[in-house]
Amino acid sequence: MAALFASGRAVDIVLVVIAVELVWLVRGWRWPLVRAALCLGPGALMLIALRAALIGLDWRWIALPLLASFPLNLADLARRNRQKR
């Protein structure tokens, strides 16, 4: 089990689950792709940063997806705020 996490494979499994969830939301629940991507994207990017940290990549490869998740999260919050009104 330790090797599963040390190699980053555990994160890969979770990312596959998120990809399946994206397909399910878009095809099964008929969510627009942008809505589903904004909802799931920040978490997926944070998982990519976690994977980079687990496998010992340079700090830039950890910071980049974390940085990218922030505006995506803000866009999702703005979309949800507009929906409430």
PDB file of N, CA and C in Angstrom:
ATOM      1  N   MET A   1       0.826  -1.192   0.000  1.00  0.00           N
ATOM      2  CA  MET A   1       0.000   0.000   0.000  1.00  0.00           C
ATOM      3  C   MET A   1       0.871   1.256   0.000  1.00  0.00           C
ATOM      4  N   ALA A   2       1.978   1.227   0.707  1.00  0.00           N
ATOM      5  CA  ALA A   2       2.864   2.385   0.747  1.00  0.00           C
ATOM      6  C   ALA A   2       3.409   2.697  -0.638  1.00  0.00           C
ATOM      7  N   ALA A   3       3.701   1.672  -1.412  1.00  0.00           N
ATOM      8  CA  ALA A   3       4.217   1.878  -2.770  1.00  0.00           C
ATOM      9  C   ALA A   3       3.169   2.526  -3.666  1.00  0.00           C
ATOM     10  N   LEU A   4       1.903   2.201  -3.435  1.00  0.00           N
ATOM     11  CA  LEU A   4       0.810   2.787  -4.224  1.00  0.00           C
ATOM     12  C   LEU A   4       0.782   4.306  -4.051  1.00  0.00           C
ATOM     13  N   PHE A   5       1.014   4.765  -2.840  1.00  0.00           N
ATOM     14  CA  PHE A   5       1.010   6.201  -2.579  1.00  0.00           C
ATOM     15  C   PHE A   5       2.340   6.851  -2.970  1.00  0.00           C
ATOM     16  N   ALA A   6       3.438   6.186  -2.677  1.00  0.00           N
ATOM     17  CA  ALA A   6       4.753   6.753  -2.987  1.00  0.00           C
ATOM     18  C   ALA A   6       4.957   6.933  -4.480  1.00  0.00           C
ATOM     19  N   SER A   7       4.352   6.063  -5.270  1.00  0.00           N
ATOM     20  CA  SER A   7       4.499   6.160  -6.720  1.00  0.00           C
ATOM     21  C   SER A   7       3.515   7.140  -7.350  1.00  0.00           C
ATOM     22  N   GLY A   8       2.537   7.576  -6.566  1.00  0.00           N
ATOM     23  CA  GLY A   8       1.524   8.486  -7.105  1.00  0.00           C
ATOM     24  C   GLY A   8       0.364   7.774  -7.764  1.00  0.00           C
ATOM     25  N   ARG A   9       0.395   6.450  -7.792  1.00  0.00           N
ATOM     26  CA  ARG A   9      -0.673   5.678  -8.455  1.00  0.00           C
ATOM     27  C   ARG A   9      -2.027   5.847  -7.768  1.00  0.00           C
ATOM     28  N   ALA A  10      -2.018   6.073  -6.470  1.00  0.00           N
ATOM     29  CA  ALA A  10      -3.283   6.297  -5.761  1.00  0.00           C
ATOM     30  C   ALA A  10      -3.975   7.543  -6.306  1.00  0.00           C
ATOM     31  N   VAL A  11      -3.206   8.555  -6.581  1.00  0.00           N
ATOM     32  CA  VAL A  11      -3.768   9.785  -7.150  1.00  0.00           C
ATOM     33  C   VAL A  11      -4.285   9.511  -8.557  1.00  0.00           C
ATOM     34  N   ASP A  12      -3.569   8.691  -9.329  1.00  0.00           N
ATOM     35  CA  ASP A  12      -4.027   8.333 -10.675  1.00  0.00           C
ATOM     36  C   ASP A  12      -5.399   7.669 -10.630  1.00  0.00           C
ATOM     37  N   ILE A  13      -5.599   6.805  -9.642  1.00  0.00           N
ATOM     38  CA  ILE A  13      -6.889   6.127  -9.502  1.00  0.00           C
ATOM     39  C   ILE A  13      -7.995   7.138  -9.229  1.00  0.00           C
ATOM     40  N   VAL A  14      -7.731   8.081  -8.346  1.00  0.00           N
ATOM     41  CA  VAL A  14      -8.736   9.101  -8.029  1.00  0.00           C
ATOM     42  C   VAL A  14      -9.002   9.980  -9.256  1.00  0.00           C
ATOM     43  N   LEU A  15      -7.976  10.299 -10.022  1.00  0.00           N
ATOM     44  CA  LEU A  15      -8.168  11.105 -11.236  1.00  0.00           C
ATOM     45  C   LEU A  15      -9.019  10.363 -12.265  1.00  0.00           C
ATOM     46  N   VAL A  16      -8.858   9.061 -12.357  1.00  0.00           N
ATOM     47  CA  VAL A  16      -9.701   8.266 -13.262  1.00  0.00           C
ATOM     48  C   VAL A  16     -11.152   8.316 -12.786  1.00  0.00           C
ATOM     49  N   VAL A  17     -11.360   8.224 -11.491  1.00  0.00           N
ATOM     50  CA  VAL A  17     -12.722   8.320 -10.945  1.00  0.00           C
ATOM     51  C   VAL A  17     -13.324   9.686 -11.266  1.00  0.00           C
ATOM     52  N   ILE A  18     -12.541  10.729 -11.153  1.00  0.00           N
ATOM     53  CA  ILE A  18     -13.033  12.079 -11.481  1.00  0.00           C
ATOM     54  C   ILE A  18     -13.362  12.182 -12.970  1.00  0.00           C
ATOM     55  N   ALA A  19     -12.549  11.571 -13.823  1.00  0.00           N
ATOM     56  CA  ALA A  19     -12.833  11.584 -15.263  1.00  0.00           C
ATOM     57  C   ALA A  19     -14.134  10.843 -15.565  1.00  0.00           C
ATOM     58  N   VAL A  20     -14.353   9.722 -14.900  1.00  0.00           N
ATOM     59  CA  VAL A  20     -15.610   8.984 -15.074  1.00  0.00           C
ATOM     60  C   VAL A  20     -16.783   9.824 -14.589  1.00  0.00           C
ATOM     61  N   GLU A  21     -16.594  10.511 -13.475  1.00  0.00           N
ATOM     62  CA  GLU A  21     -17.639  11.391 -12.955  1.00  0.00           C
ATOM     63  C   GLU A  21     -17.953  12.515 -13.938  1.00  0.00           C
ATOM     64  N   LEU A  22     -16.930  13.071 -14.571  1.00  0.00           N
ATOM     65  CA  LEU A  22     -17.141  14.123 -15.563  1.00  0.00           C
ATOM     66  C   LEU A  22     -17.999  13.616 -16.714  1.00  0.00           C
ATOM     67  N   VAL A  23     -17.663  12.449 -17.223  1.00  0.00           N
ATOM     68  CA  VAL A  23     -18.445  11.853 -18.320  1.00  0.00           C
ATOM     69  C   VAL A  23     -19.873  11.590 -17.856  1.00  0.00           C
ATOM     70  N   TRP A  24     -20.017  11.079 -16.647  1.00  0.00           N
ATOM     71  CA  TRP A  24     -21.336  10.779 -16.112  1.00  0.00           C
ATOM     72  C   TRP A  24     -22.190  12.040 -15.967  1.00  0.00           C
ATOM     73  N   LEU A  25     -21.577  13.116 -15.483  1.00  0.00           N
ATOM     74  CA  LEU A  25     -22.327  14.366 -15.333  1.00  0.00           C
ATOM     75  C   LEU A  25     -22.749  14.943 -16.681  1.00  0.00           C
ATOM     76  N   VAL A  26     -21.839  14.870 -17.659  1.00  0.00           N
ATOM     77  CA  VAL A  26     -22.123  15.463 -18.966  1.00  0.00           C
ATOM     78  C   VAL A  26     -23.112  14.614 -19.761  1.00  0.00           C
ATOM     79  N   ARG A  27     -22.902  13.322 -19.775  1.00  0.00           N
ATOM     80  CA  ARG A  27     -23.776  12.466 -20.587  1.00  0.00           C
ATOM     81  C   ARG A  27     -25.020  12.001 -19.849  1.00  0.00           C
ATOM     82  N   GLY A  28     -24.861  11.643 -18.583  1.00  0.00           N
ATOM     83  CA  GLY A  28     -25.990  11.099 -17.837  1.00  0.00           C
ATOM     84  C   GLY A  28     -26.921  12.169 -17.284  1.00  0.00           C
ATOM     85  N   TRP A  29     -26.349  13.176 -16.679  1.00  0.00           N
ATOM     86  CA  TRP A  29     -27.142  14.234 -16.067  1.00  0.00           C
ATOM     87  C   TRP A  29     -27.331  15.435 -16.984  1.00  0.00           C
ATOM     88  N   ARG A  30     -26.701  15.380 -18.154  1.00  0.00           N
ATOM     89  CA  ARG A  30     -26.832  16.439 -19.164  1.00  0.00           C
ATOM     90  C   ARG A  30     -26.345  17.804 -18.677  1.00  0.00           C
ATOM     91  N   TRP A  31     -25.282  17.789 -17.855  1.00  0.00           N
ATOM     92  CA  TRP A  31     -24.668  19.050 -17.454  1.00  0.00           C
ATOM     93  C   TRP A  31     -23.885  19.586 -18.631  1.00  0.00           C
ATOM     94  N   PRO A  32     -23.854  20.903 -18.816  1.00  0.00           N
ATOM     95  CA  PRO A  32     -22.937  21.456 -19.812  1.00  0.00           C
ATOM     96  C   PRO A  32     -21.493  21.125 -19.420  1.00  0.00           C
ATOM     97  N   LEU A  33     -20.659  20.886 -20.411  1.00  0.00           N
ATOM     98  CA  LEU A  33     -19.266  20.503 -20.149  1.00  0.00           C
ATOM     99  C   LEU A  33     -18.545  21.558 -19.315  1.00  0.00           C
ATOM    100  N   VAL A  34     -18.808  22.820 -19.588  1.00  0.00           N
ATOM    101  CA  VAL A  34     -18.142  23.892 -18.838  1.00  0.00           C
ATOM    102  C   VAL A  34     -18.525  23.829 -17.364  1.00  0.00           C
ATOM    103  N   ARG A  35     -19.783  23.593 -17.088  1.00  0.00           N
ATOM    104  CA  ARG A  35     -20.237  23.507 -15.691  1.00  0.00           C
ATOM    105  C   ARG A  35     -19.546  22.351 -14.975  1.00  0.00           C
ATOM    106  N   ALA A  36     -19.501  21.201 -15.605  1.00  0.00           N
ATOM    107  CA  ALA A  36     -18.876  20.029 -14.989  1.00  0.00           C
ATOM    108  C   ALA A  36     -17.370  20.250 -14.810  1.00  0.00           C
ATOM    109  N   ALA A  37     -16.734  20.842 -15.813  1.00  0.00           N
ATOM    110  CA  ALA A  37     -15.291  21.081 -15.729  1.00  0.00           C
ATOM    111  C   ALA A  37     -14.956  22.101 -14.642  1.00  0.00           C
ATOM    112  N   LEU A  38     -15.775  23.131 -14.518  1.00  0.00           N
ATOM    113  CA  LEU A  38     -15.541  24.122 -13.467  1.00  0.00           C
ATOM    114  C   LEU A  38     -15.757  23.518 -12.079  1.00  0.00           C
ATOM    115  N   CYS A  39     -16.674  22.589 -11.989  1.00  0.00           N
ATOM    116  CA  CYS A  39     -16.966  21.958 -10.705  1.00  0.00           C
ATOM    117  C   CYS A  39     -15.849  20.985 -10.294  1.00  0.00           C
ATOM    118  N   LEU A  40     -15.367  20.199 -11.236  1.00  0.00           N
ATOM    119  CA  LEU A  40     -14.387  19.151 -10.930  1.00  0.00           C
ATOM    120  C   LEU A  40     -12.941  19.578 -11.163  1.00  0.00           C
ATOM    121  N   GLY A  41     -12.736  20.577 -11.984  1.00  0.00           N
ATOM    122  CA  GLY A  41     -11.391  20.978 -12.380  1.00  0.00           C
ATOM    123  C   GLY A  41     -10.458  21.378 -11.255  1.00  0.00           C
ATOM    124  N   PRO A  42     -10.889  22.254 -10.334  1.00  0.00           N
ATOM    125  CA  PRO A  42      -9.973  22.648  -9.264  1.00  0.00           C
ATOM    126  C   PRO A  42      -9.476  21.469  -8.422  1.00  0.00           C
ATOM    127  N   GLY A  43     -10.358  20.571  -8.105  1.00  0.00           N
ATOM    128  CA  GLY A  43      -9.958  19.404  -7.324  1.00  0.00           C
ATOM    129  C   GLY A  43      -8.992  18.515  -8.082  1.00  0.00           C
ATOM    130  N   ALA A  44      -9.255  18.349  -9.383  1.00  0.00           N
ATOM    131  CA  ALA A  44      -8.357  17.531 -10.209  1.00  0.00           C
ATOM    132  C   ALA A  44      -6.966  18.171 -10.286  1.00  0.00           C
ATOM    133  N   LEU A  45      -6.928  19.472 -10.431  1.00  0.00           N
ATOM    134  CA  LEU A  45      -5.628  20.148 -10.484  1.00  0.00           C
ATOM    135  C   LEU A  45      -4.881  20.039  -9.157  1.00  0.00           C
ATOM    136  N   MET A  46      -5.599  20.111  -8.052  1.00  0.00           N
ATOM    137  CA  MET A  46      -4.939  19.946  -6.756  1.00  0.00           C
ATOM    138  C   MET A  46      -4.412  18.518  -6.585  1.00  0.00           C
ATOM    139  N   LEU A  47      -5.138  17.547  -7.133  1.00  0.00           N
ATOM    140  CA  LEU A  47      -4.650  16.174  -7.090  1.00  0.00           C
ATOM    141  C   LEU A  47      -3.398  16.004  -7.949  1.00  0.00           C
ATOM    142  N   ILE A  48      -3.349  16.685  -9.068  1.00  0.00           N
ATOM    143  CA  ILE A  48      -2.155  16.633  -9.914  1.00  0.00           C
ATOM    144  C   ILE A  48      -0.961  17.218  -9.168  1.00  0.00           C
ATOM    145  N   ALA A  49      -1.193  18.298  -8.426  1.00  0.00           N
ATOM    146  CA  ALA A  49      -0.118  18.870  -7.605  1.00  0.00           C
ATOM    147  C   ALA A  49       0.316  17.892  -6.517  1.00  0.00           C
ATOM    148  N   LEU A  50      -0.642  17.214  -5.918  1.00  0.00           N
ATOM    149  CA  LEU A  50      -0.316  16.204  -4.908  1.00  0.00           C
ATOM    150  C   LEU A  50       0.526  15.094  -5.498  1.00  0.00           C
ATOM    151  N   ARG A  51       0.159  14.648  -6.688  1.00  0.00           N
ATOM    152  CA  ARG A  51       0.930  13.590  -7.346  1.00  0.00           C
ATOM    153  C   ARG A  51       2.361  14.050  -7.612  1.00  0.00           C
ATOM    154  N   ALA A  52       2.501  15.276  -8.065  1.00  0.00           N
ATOM    155  CA  ALA A  52       3.834  15.825  -8.319  1.00  0.00           C
ATOM    156  C   ALA A  52       4.666  15.844  -7.043  1.00  0.00           C
ATOM    157  N   ALA A  53       4.037  16.203  -5.936  1.00  0.00           N
ATOM    158  CA  ALA A  53       4.753  16.224  -4.657  1.00  0.00           C
ATOM    159  C   ALA A  53       5.115  14.813  -4.205  1.00  0.00           C
ATOM    160  N   LEU A  54       4.206  13.877  -4.397  1.00  0.00           N
ATOM    161  CA  LEU A  54       4.463  12.501  -3.970  1.00  0.00           C
ATOM    162  C   LEU A  54       5.629  11.858  -4.714  1.00  0.00           C
ATOM    163  N   ILE A  55       5.755  12.193  -5.982  1.00  0.00           N
ATOM    164  CA  ILE A  55       6.835  11.561  -6.760  1.00  0.00           C
ATOM    165  C   ILE A  55       8.110  12.392  -6.756  1.00  0.00           C
ATOM    166  N   GLY A  56       8.089  13.504  -6.013  1.00  0.00           N
ATOM    167  CA  GLY A  56       9.309  14.267  -5.814  1.00  0.00           C
ATOM    168  C   GLY A  56       9.707  15.201  -6.940  1.00  0.00           C
ATOM    169  N   LEU A  57       8.732  15.713  -7.673  1.00  0.00           N
ATOM    170  CA  LEU A  57       9.046  16.670  -8.733  1.00  0.00           C
ATOM    171  C   LEU A  57       9.455  18.015  -8.139  1.00  0.00           C
ATOM    172  N   ASP A  58      10.062  18.828  -8.965  1.00  0.00           N
ATOM    173  CA  ASP A  58      10.484  20.166  -8.572  1.00  0.00           C
ATOM    174  C   ASP A  58       9.269  20.975  -8.105  1.00  0.00           C
ATOM    175  N   TRP A  59       9.505  21.928  -7.231  1.00  0.00           N
ATOM    176  CA  TRP A  59       8.412  22.699  -6.644  1.00  0.00           C
ATOM    177  C   TRP A  59       7.585  23.425  -7.695  1.00  0.00           C
ATOM    178  N   ARG A  60       8.190  23.759  -8.828  1.00  0.00           N
ATOM    179  CA  ARG A  60       7.441  24.471  -9.874  1.00  0.00           C
ATOM    180  C   ARG A  60       6.307  23.617 -10.424  1.00  0.00           C
ATOM    181  N   TRP A  61       6.533  22.306 -10.526  1.00  0.00           N
ATOM    182  CA  TRP A  61       5.513  21.392 -11.038  1.00  0.00           C
ATOM    183  C   TRP A  61       4.412  21.160 -10.013  1.00  0.00           C
ATOM    184  N   ILE A  62       4.691  21.463  -8.765  1.00  0.00           N
ATOM    185  CA  ILE A  62       3.667  21.396  -7.727  1.00  0.00           C
ATOM    186  C   ILE A  62       2.875  22.703  -7.709  1.00  0.00           C
ATOM    187  N   ALA A  63       3.577  23.818  -7.825  1.00  0.00           N
ATOM    188  CA  ALA A  63       2.935  25.134  -7.755  1.00  0.00           C
ATOM    189  C   ALA A  63       2.059  25.420  -8.972  1.00  0.00           C
ATOM    190  N   LEU A  64       2.471  24.970 -10.143  1.00  0.00           N
ATOM    191  CA  LEU A  64       1.737  25.293 -11.376  1.00  0.00           C
ATOM    192  C   LEU A  64       0.285  24.817 -11.344  1.00  0.00           C
ATOM    193  N   PRO A  65      -0.001  23.541 -11.070  1.00  0.00           N
ATOM    194  CA  PRO A  65      -1.418  23.155 -11.019  1.00  0.00           C
ATOM    195  C   PRO A  65      -2.178  23.790  -9.859  1.00  0.00           C
ATOM    196  N   LEU A  66      -1.476  24.037  -8.740  1.00  0.00           N
ATOM    197  CA  LEU A  66      -2.145  24.723  -7.633  1.00  0.00           C
ATOM    198  C   LEU A  66      -2.541  26.136  -8.046  1.00  0.00           C
ATOM    199  N   LEU A  67      -1.641  26.804  -8.735  1.00  0.00           N
ATOM    200  CA  LEU A  67      -1.914  28.149  -9.224  1.00  0.00           C
ATOM    201  C   LEU A  67      -3.062  28.143 -10.236  1.00  0.00           C
ATOM    202  N   ALA A  68      -3.082  27.160 -11.098  1.00  0.00           N
ATOM    203  CA  ALA A  68      -4.137  27.058 -12.117  1.00  0.00           C
ATOM    204  C   ALA A  68      -5.496  26.746 -11.501  1.00  0.00           C
ATOM    205  N   SER A  69      -5.505  26.071 -10.366  1.00  0.00           N
ATOM    206  CA  SER A  69      -6.788  25.712  -9.747  1.00  0.00           C
ATOM    207  C   SER A  69      -7.502  26.935  -9.167  1.00  0.00           C
ATOM    208  N   PHE A  70      -6.743  27.950  -8.778  1.00  0.00           N
ATOM    209  CA  PHE A  70      -7.351  29.123  -8.139  1.00  0.00           C
ATOM    210  C   PHE A  70      -8.311  29.878  -9.067  1.00  0.00           C
ATOM    211  N   PRO A  71      -7.896  30.303 -10.267  1.00  0.00           N
ATOM    212  CA  PRO A  71      -8.862  31.019 -11.121  1.00  0.00           C
ATOM    213  C   PRO A  71     -10.021  30.132 -11.559  1.00  0.00           C
ATOM    214  N   LEU A  72      -9.765  28.841 -11.698  1.00  0.00           N
ATOM    215  CA  LEU A  72     -10.842  27.913 -12.056  1.00  0.00           C
ATOM    216  C   LEU A  72     -11.869  27.851 -10.923  1.00  0.00           C
ATOM    217  N   ASN A  73     -11.386  27.818  -9.704  1.00  0.00           N
ATOM    218  CA  ASN A  73     -12.277  27.818  -8.549  1.00  0.00           C
ATOM    219  C   ASN A  73     -13.064  29.124  -8.464  1.00  0.00           C
ATOM    220  N   LEU A  74     -12.394  30.259  -8.716  1.00  0.00           N
ATOM    221  CA  LEU A  74     -13.093  31.544  -8.707  1.00  0.00           C
ATOM    222  C   LEU A  74     -14.166  31.602  -9.794  1.00  0.00           C
ATOM    223  N   ALA A  75     -13.863  31.056 -10.964  1.00  0.00           N
ATOM    224  CA  ALA A  75     -14.847  31.026 -12.054  1.00  0.00           C
ATOM    225  C   ALA A  75     -16.054  30.173 -11.663  1.00  0.00           C
ATOM    226  N   ASP A  76     -15.813  29.053 -10.997  1.00  0.00           N
ATOM    227  CA  ASP A  76     -16.914  28.199 -10.536  1.00  0.00           C
ATOM    228  C   ASP A  76     -17.762  28.933  -9.499  1.00  0.00           C
ATOM    229  N   LEU A  77     -17.106  29.613  -8.571  1.00  0.00           N
ATOM    230  CA  LEU A  77     -17.854  30.372  -7.566  1.00  0.00           C
ATOM    231  C   LEU A  77     -18.681  31.481  -8.202  1.00  0.00           C
ATOM    232  N   ALA A  78     -18.120  32.166  -9.184  1.00  0.00           N
ATOM    233  CA  ALA A  78     -18.856  33.221  -9.881  1.00  0.00           C
ATOM    234  C   ALA A  78     -20.058  32.640 -10.623  1.00  0.00           C
ATOM    235  N   ARG A  79     -19.870  31.499 -11.263  1.00  0.00           N
ATOM    236  CA  ARG A  79     -20.972  30.839 -11.982  1.00  0.00           C
ATOM    237  C   ARG A  79     -22.082  30.448 -11.018  1.00  0.00           C
ATOM    238  N   ARG A  80     -21.703  29.890  -9.878  1.00  0.00           N
ATOM    239  CA  ARG A  80     -22.706  29.495  -8.887  1.00  0.00           C
ATOM    240  C   ARG A  80     -23.428  30.702  -8.306  1.00  0.00           C
ATOM    241  N   ASN A  81     -22.716  31.794  -8.112  1.00  0.00           N
ATOM    242  CA  ASN A  81     -23.323  33.022  -7.597  1.00  0.00           C
ATOM    243  C   ASN A  81     -24.332  33.581  -8.584  1.00  0.00           C
ATOM    244  N   ARG A  82     -23.971  33.568  -9.877  1.00  0.00           N
ATOM    245  CA  ARG A  82     -24.909  34.034 -10.903  1.00  0.00           C
ATOM    246  C   ARG A  82     -26.147  33.149 -10.965  1.00  0.00           C
ATOM    247  N   GLN A  83     -25.967  31.849 -10.750  1.00  0.00           N
ATOM    248  CA  GLN A  83     -27.085  30.911 -10.790  1.00  0.00           C
ATOM    249  C   GLN A  83     -28.068  31.159  -9.661  1.00  0.00           C
ATOM    250  N   LYS A  84     -27.558  31.562  -8.499  1.00  0.00           N
ATOM    251  CA  LYS A  84     -28.426  31.801  -7.347  1.00  0.00           C
ATOM    252  C   LYS A  84     -29.385  32.942  -7.590  1.00  0.00           C
ATOM    253  N   ARG A  85     -28.934  33.938  -8.321  1.00  0.00           N
ATOM    254  CA  ARG A  85     -29.738  35.154  -8.515  1.00  0.00           C
ATOM    255  C   ARG A  85     -30.852  34.953  -9.467  1.00  0.00           C
TER     256      ARG A  85
END
